[in-house]
């Protein structure tokens, strides 16, 4: 039953990206956080995100602006490593607060608080039309790569920052998308190396039951993203966007308070 619930939830979350305007990682990671420990949710989302972008990379890598990739992607790879390493460090800290509520034990931890806060912040950023229209001068491109990579490694949220820094470069639509895809692949590869040698091994050693759950969730989310993009044209529906934003805020608050 858990496999079915997680598979359906992951598939629906991926489909919601078509109508909400939110990126795949922004929507999918909080869904995984409902079922898995927060760091593992970030890592599982990274697997889906990497597979999805690797698929697009194979189709579009020839259209990427490689000079932009060098200026943006290289700093992003370095800081993604730092952000992912910081996540593994947060995960090893002892709980801040432990409490009982309705007969159930809950705890507030550093890793949950950080991830929860970032979910809420980036949900707000992606919901804001002013932020969506933000275009930062090209001279700050390496800084943009560094920020995007760091937050990508720490929480999986990188799309909003990446777009803000790439939008003013005068790239064609195809070059803009392809350059973003290549940069995302670089960040995902860098952070997955850290996750794989950090907390992933610990979690899979402690509970091998998580492996099929993550595999099913990742597979369904990837399938939902690929099939949805083939069958439907992406369109942002404001009502759906607000509902998804509200759900993200609730999940973020649940993580911060230790309820999730």
Protein backbone atom coordinates (compact mmCIF):
# COMPACT_ATOMS: atom_id res chain seq x y z
CA UNK A 1 0.00 0.00 0.00
CA UNK A 2 2.86 2.39 0.82
CA UNK A 3 4.30 1.82 -2.65
CA UNK A 4 0.98 2.71 -4.29
CA UNK A 5 0.46 5.84 -2.17
CA UNK A 6 3.99 7.12 -2.74
CA UNK A 7 3.86 6.33 -6.46
CA UNK A 8 0.55 8.15 -6.90
CA UNK A 9 1.67 11.12 -4.81
CA UNK A 10 4.91 11.46 -6.76
CA UNK A 11 3.14 11.18 -10.10
CA UNK A 12 0.51 13.77 -9.15
CA UNK A 13 3.20 16.13 -7.83
CA UNK A 14 5.07 15.91 -11.13
CA UNK A 15 1.86 16.56 -13.06
CA UNK A 16 1.13 19.63 -10.93
CA UNK A 17 4.28 21.30 -12.24
CA UNK A 18 2.47 21.63 -15.59
CA UNK A 19 -0.24 23.86 -14.13
CA UNK A 20 1.25 25.49 -11.05
CA UNK A 21 4.27 27.26 -12.54
CA UNK A 22 6.49 25.66 -9.89
CA UNK A 23 9.55 23.64 -10.82
CA UNK A 24 9.65 19.87 -10.41
CA UNK A 25 12.04 19.97 -7.45
CA UNK A 26 10.02 22.65 -5.63
CA UNK A 27 6.84 20.55 -5.73
CA UNK A 28 8.22 17.03 -5.49
CA UNK A 29 10.64 17.41 -2.57
CA UNK A 30 7.94 18.39 -0.01
CA UNK A 31 5.84 15.42 -1.18
CA UNK A 32 8.75 13.05 -0.58
CA UNK A 33 9.29 14.74 2.80
CA UNK A 34 5.85 13.47 3.88
CA UNK A 35 7.09 9.88 3.54
CA UNK A 36 10.87 9.96 4.00
CA UNK A 37 13.36 11.63 6.36
CA UNK A 38 13.95 15.18 5.12
CA UNK A 39 17.52 14.64 3.83
CA UNK A 40 16.44 11.50 1.98
CA UNK A 41 13.56 13.47 0.44
CA UNK A 42 16.08 15.96 -0.95
CA UNK A 43 18.24 13.14 -2.32
CA UNK A 44 15.29 11.27 -3.87
CA UNK A 45 14.16 14.48 -5.54
CA UNK A 46 17.69 15.00 -6.83
CA UNK A 47 17.59 11.57 -8.49
CA UNK A 48 14.32 12.41 -10.28
CA UNK A 49 15.51 15.90 -11.17
CA UNK A 50 18.80 14.54 -12.51
CA UNK A 51 17.10 11.83 -14.59
CA UNK A 52 14.57 14.29 -15.98
CA UNK A 53 17.22 16.83 -16.92
CA UNK A 54 19.56 14.17 -18.27
CA UNK A 55 16.78 13.15 -20.67
CA UNK A 56 16.40 16.76 -21.81
CA UNK A 57 20.19 17.15 -21.93
CA UNK A 58 20.38 14.38 -24.52
CA UNK A 59 17.91 16.27 -26.70
CA UNK A 60 19.16 19.84 -26.27
CA UNK A 61 22.85 19.90 -25.30
CA UNK A 62 23.85 21.16 -28.77
CA UNK A 63 21.77 24.31 -28.26
CA UNK A 64 23.35 25.30 -24.94
CA UNK A 65 25.57 28.37 -24.71
CA UNK A 66 28.72 26.76 -23.34
CA UNK A 67 30.36 30.07 -22.45
CA UNK A 68 27.43 30.78 -20.13
CA UNK A 69 27.61 27.22 -18.80
CA UNK A 70 31.28 27.78 -17.93
CA UNK A 71 30.60 31.05 -16.12
CA UNK A 72 27.45 29.83 -14.37
CA UNK A 73 27.78 26.04 -14.12
CA UNK A 74 31.32 25.79 -12.75
CA UNK A 75 30.66 27.99 -9.69
CA UNK A 76 27.34 26.18 -9.26
CA UNK A 77 29.06 22.78 -9.17
CA UNK A 78 31.49 23.94 -6.50
CA UNK A 79 28.89 25.51 -4.24
CA UNK A 80 26.45 22.60 -4.77
CA UNK A 81 29.12 20.42 -3.20
CA UNK A 82 29.32 22.85 -0.26
CA UNK A 83 25.54 23.06 0.15
CA UNK A 84 25.13 19.27 0.00
CA UNK A 85 27.94 18.81 2.53
CA UNK A 86 26.25 21.32 4.84
CA UNK A 87 23.02 19.33 4.55
CA UNK A 88 24.78 16.15 5.67
CA UNK A 89 26.29 18.09 8.60
CA UNK A 90 22.87 19.41 9.66
CA UNK A 91 21.51 15.87 9.49
CA UNK A 92 24.05 14.66 12.05
CA UNK A 93 23.20 17.32 14.65
CA UNK A 94 21.13 16.19 17.67
CA UNK A 95 17.47 17.27 17.90
CA UNK A 96 16.84 20.77 19.19
CA UNK A 97 13.50 20.00 20.84
CA UNK A 98 11.62 16.77 21.56
CA UNK A 99 7.95 16.79 22.55
CA UNK A 100 4.76 14.72 22.69
CA UNK A 101 1.55 15.70 20.91
CA UNK A 102 -1.62 13.59 20.83
CA UNK A 103 0.35 10.61 22.05
CA UNK A 104 2.93 10.83 19.27
CA UNK A 105 6.60 11.77 19.64
CA UNK A 106 7.91 14.70 17.58
CA UNK A 107 11.25 16.43 17.33
CA UNK A 108 12.53 19.68 15.89
CA UNK A 109 15.89 19.21 14.22
CA UNK A 110 18.30 21.51 12.41
CA UNK A 111 17.93 19.71 9.10
CA UNK A 112 14.11 19.81 9.21
CA UNK A 113 14.11 23.48 10.20
CA UNK A 114 16.49 24.48 7.40
CA UNK A 115 14.68 22.49 4.71
CA UNK A 116 11.26 23.61 5.93
CA UNK A 117 12.23 27.28 5.94
CA UNK A 118 13.73 27.03 2.45
CA UNK A 119 10.59 25.29 1.14
CA UNK A 120 8.50 28.22 2.40
CA UNK A 121 10.92 30.87 1.12
CA UNK A 122 11.27 29.42 -2.37
CA UNK A 123 7.54 28.73 -2.63
CA UNK A 124 6.98 32.42 -1.94
CA UNK A 125 9.66 33.44 -4.45
CA UNK A 126 8.23 31.31 -7.24
CA UNK A 127 4.72 32.58 -6.49
CA UNK A 128 5.76 36.25 -6.67
CA UNK A 129 5.29 37.85 -10.14
CA UNK A 130 7.91 40.46 -9.22
CA UNK A 131 10.51 37.78 -8.54
CA UNK A 132 9.53 35.88 -11.69
CA UNK A 133 10.15 39.05 -13.71
CA UNK A 134 13.47 39.71 -12.00
CA UNK A 135 16.41 39.93 -14.40
CA UNK A 136 19.90 40.35 -12.94
CA UNK A 137 22.76 41.85 -15.03
CA UNK A 138 25.11 39.41 -16.78
CA UNK A 139 28.16 40.56 -14.83
CA UNK A 140 26.77 38.77 -11.79
CA UNK A 141 26.51 35.43 -13.60
CA UNK A 142 29.22 33.62 -11.55
CA UNK A 143 27.53 34.85 -8.35
CA UNK A 144 24.22 33.54 -9.65
CA UNK A 145 25.77 30.16 -10.34
CA UNK A 146 27.26 30.07 -6.85
CA UNK A 147 23.94 30.91 -5.18
CA UNK A 148 21.90 28.56 -7.35
CA UNK A 149 24.32 25.70 -6.77
CA UNK A 150 24.51 26.26 -3.01
CA UNK A 151 20.76 26.23 -2.46
CA UNK A 152 20.40 23.39 -4.95
CA UNK A 153 22.82 21.30 -2.88
CA UNK A 154 21.30 22.34 0.44
CA UNK A 155 17.61 21.91 -0.36
CA UNK A 156 17.14 21.14 -4.06
CA UNK A 157 15.72 24.62 -4.80
CA UNK A 158 17.64 26.21 -7.64
CA UNK A 159 15.29 26.96 -10.55
CA UNK A 160 14.07 30.41 -9.51
CA UNK A 161 17.59 31.73 -8.95
CA UNK A 162 18.90 30.15 -12.15
CA UNK A 163 16.19 31.78 -14.26
CA UNK A 164 16.70 35.19 -12.65
CA UNK A 165 20.39 35.19 -13.61
CA UNK A 166 20.04 33.69 -17.11
CA UNK A 167 17.01 35.63 -18.34
CA UNK A 168 18.88 38.84 -19.31
CA UNK A 169 21.58 37.21 -21.40
CA UNK A 170 19.72 37.62 -24.69
CA UNK A 171 19.62 33.88 -25.34
CA UNK A 172 17.07 32.36 -27.68
CA UNK A 173 14.30 30.37 -26.02
CA UNK A 174 15.94 27.06 -26.95
CA UNK A 175 19.39 28.23 -25.83
CA UNK A 176 17.95 29.55 -22.56
CA UNK A 177 16.25 26.22 -21.78
CA UNK A 178 19.23 24.13 -22.91
CA UNK A 179 21.73 26.22 -20.90
CA UNK A 180 19.53 25.91 -17.81
CA UNK A 181 19.26 22.15 -18.31
CA UNK A 182 23.03 21.71 -18.61
CA UNK A 183 23.59 23.83 -15.50
CA UNK A 184 20.99 21.80 -13.57
CA UNK A 185 22.62 18.52 -14.61
CA UNK A 186 25.98 19.81 -13.34
CA UNK A 187 24.49 20.81 -9.99
CA UNK A 188 22.58 17.53 -9.62
CA UNK A 189 25.65 15.43 -10.41
CA UNK A 190 27.73 17.37 -7.89
CA UNK A 191 25.23 17.11 -5.05
CA UNK A 192 24.39 13.46 -5.70
CA UNK A 193 28.06 12.59 -5.23
CA UNK A 194 27.90 14.12 -1.75
CA UNK A 195 24.53 12.58 -0.89
CA UNK A 196 25.73 9.15 -2.00
CA UNK A 197 28.80 9.24 0.21
CA UNK A 198 27.03 10.98 3.09
CA UNK A 199 23.66 10.29 4.64
CA UNK A 200 22.25 8.03 1.89
CA UNK A 201 24.46 5.14 2.92
CA UNK A 202 23.46 5.67 6.56
CA UNK A 203 19.74 5.67 5.83
CA UNK A 204 19.83 2.65 3.56
CA UNK A 205 21.90 0.73 6.11
CA UNK A 206 19.45 1.58 8.88
CA UNK A 207 16.33 0.74 6.90
CA UNK A 208 16.56 -1.17 3.64
CA UNK A 209 12.79 -0.85 3.31
CA UNK A 210 13.31 2.72 2.16
CA UNK A 211 15.08 1.66 -1.03
CA UNK A 212 12.04 0.28 -2.94
CA UNK A 213 9.91 3.19 -1.70
CA UNK A 214 12.38 5.74 -3.02
CA UNK A 215 12.78 3.78 -6.26
CA UNK A 216 9.01 3.65 -6.87
CA UNK A 217 8.51 7.30 -5.94
CA UNK A 218 11.38 8.45 -8.15
CA UNK A 219 10.23 6.30 -11.08
CA UNK A 220 6.62 7.50 -10.90
CA UNK A 221 7.67 11.13 -10.57
CA UNK A 222 10.01 10.83 -13.54
CA UNK A 223 7.32 9.09 -15.61
CA UNK A 224 4.77 11.76 -14.67
CA UNK A 225 7.13 14.56 -15.65
CA UNK A 226 8.09 13.02 -19.00
CA UNK A 227 4.57 11.90 -20.01
CA UNK A 228 3.01 15.15 -18.86
CA UNK A 229 5.38 17.26 -20.93
CA UNK A 230 4.72 15.13 -23.99
CA UNK A 231 0.94 15.14 -23.67
CA UNK A 232 0.21 18.61 -22.37
CA UNK A 233 1.48 22.11 -22.95
CA UNK A 234 2.61 23.74 -19.72
CA UNK A 235 0.23 26.47 -18.59
CA UNK A 236 0.13 28.27 -15.28
CA UNK A 237 -3.31 28.33 -13.67
CA UNK A 238 -3.34 30.92 -10.89
CA UNK A 239 -5.81 29.01 -8.72
CA UNK A 240 -3.75 25.81 -8.93
CA UNK A 241 -0.60 27.81 -8.26
CA UNK A 242 -2.07 29.25 -5.06
CA UNK A 243 -3.29 25.85 -3.87
CA UNK A 244 0.13 24.28 -4.47
CA UNK A 245 1.83 27.24 -2.75
CA UNK A 246 -0.44 26.78 0.26
CA UNK A 247 0.39 23.07 0.42
CA UNK A 248 4.11 23.82 0.21
CA UNK A 249 3.83 26.35 3.03
CA UNK A 250 2.00 23.80 5.19
CA UNK A 251 4.62 21.12 4.57
CA UNK A 252 7.40 23.60 5.28
CA UNK A 253 5.74 24.66 8.53
CA UNK A 254 5.24 21.01 9.47
CA UNK A 255 8.94 20.32 9.03
CA UNK A 256 10.01 23.41 10.98
CA UNK A 257 7.74 22.53 13.91
CA UNK A 258 8.66 18.83 13.86
CA UNK A 259 5.14 17.65 13.05
CA UNK A 260 6.42 15.98 9.87
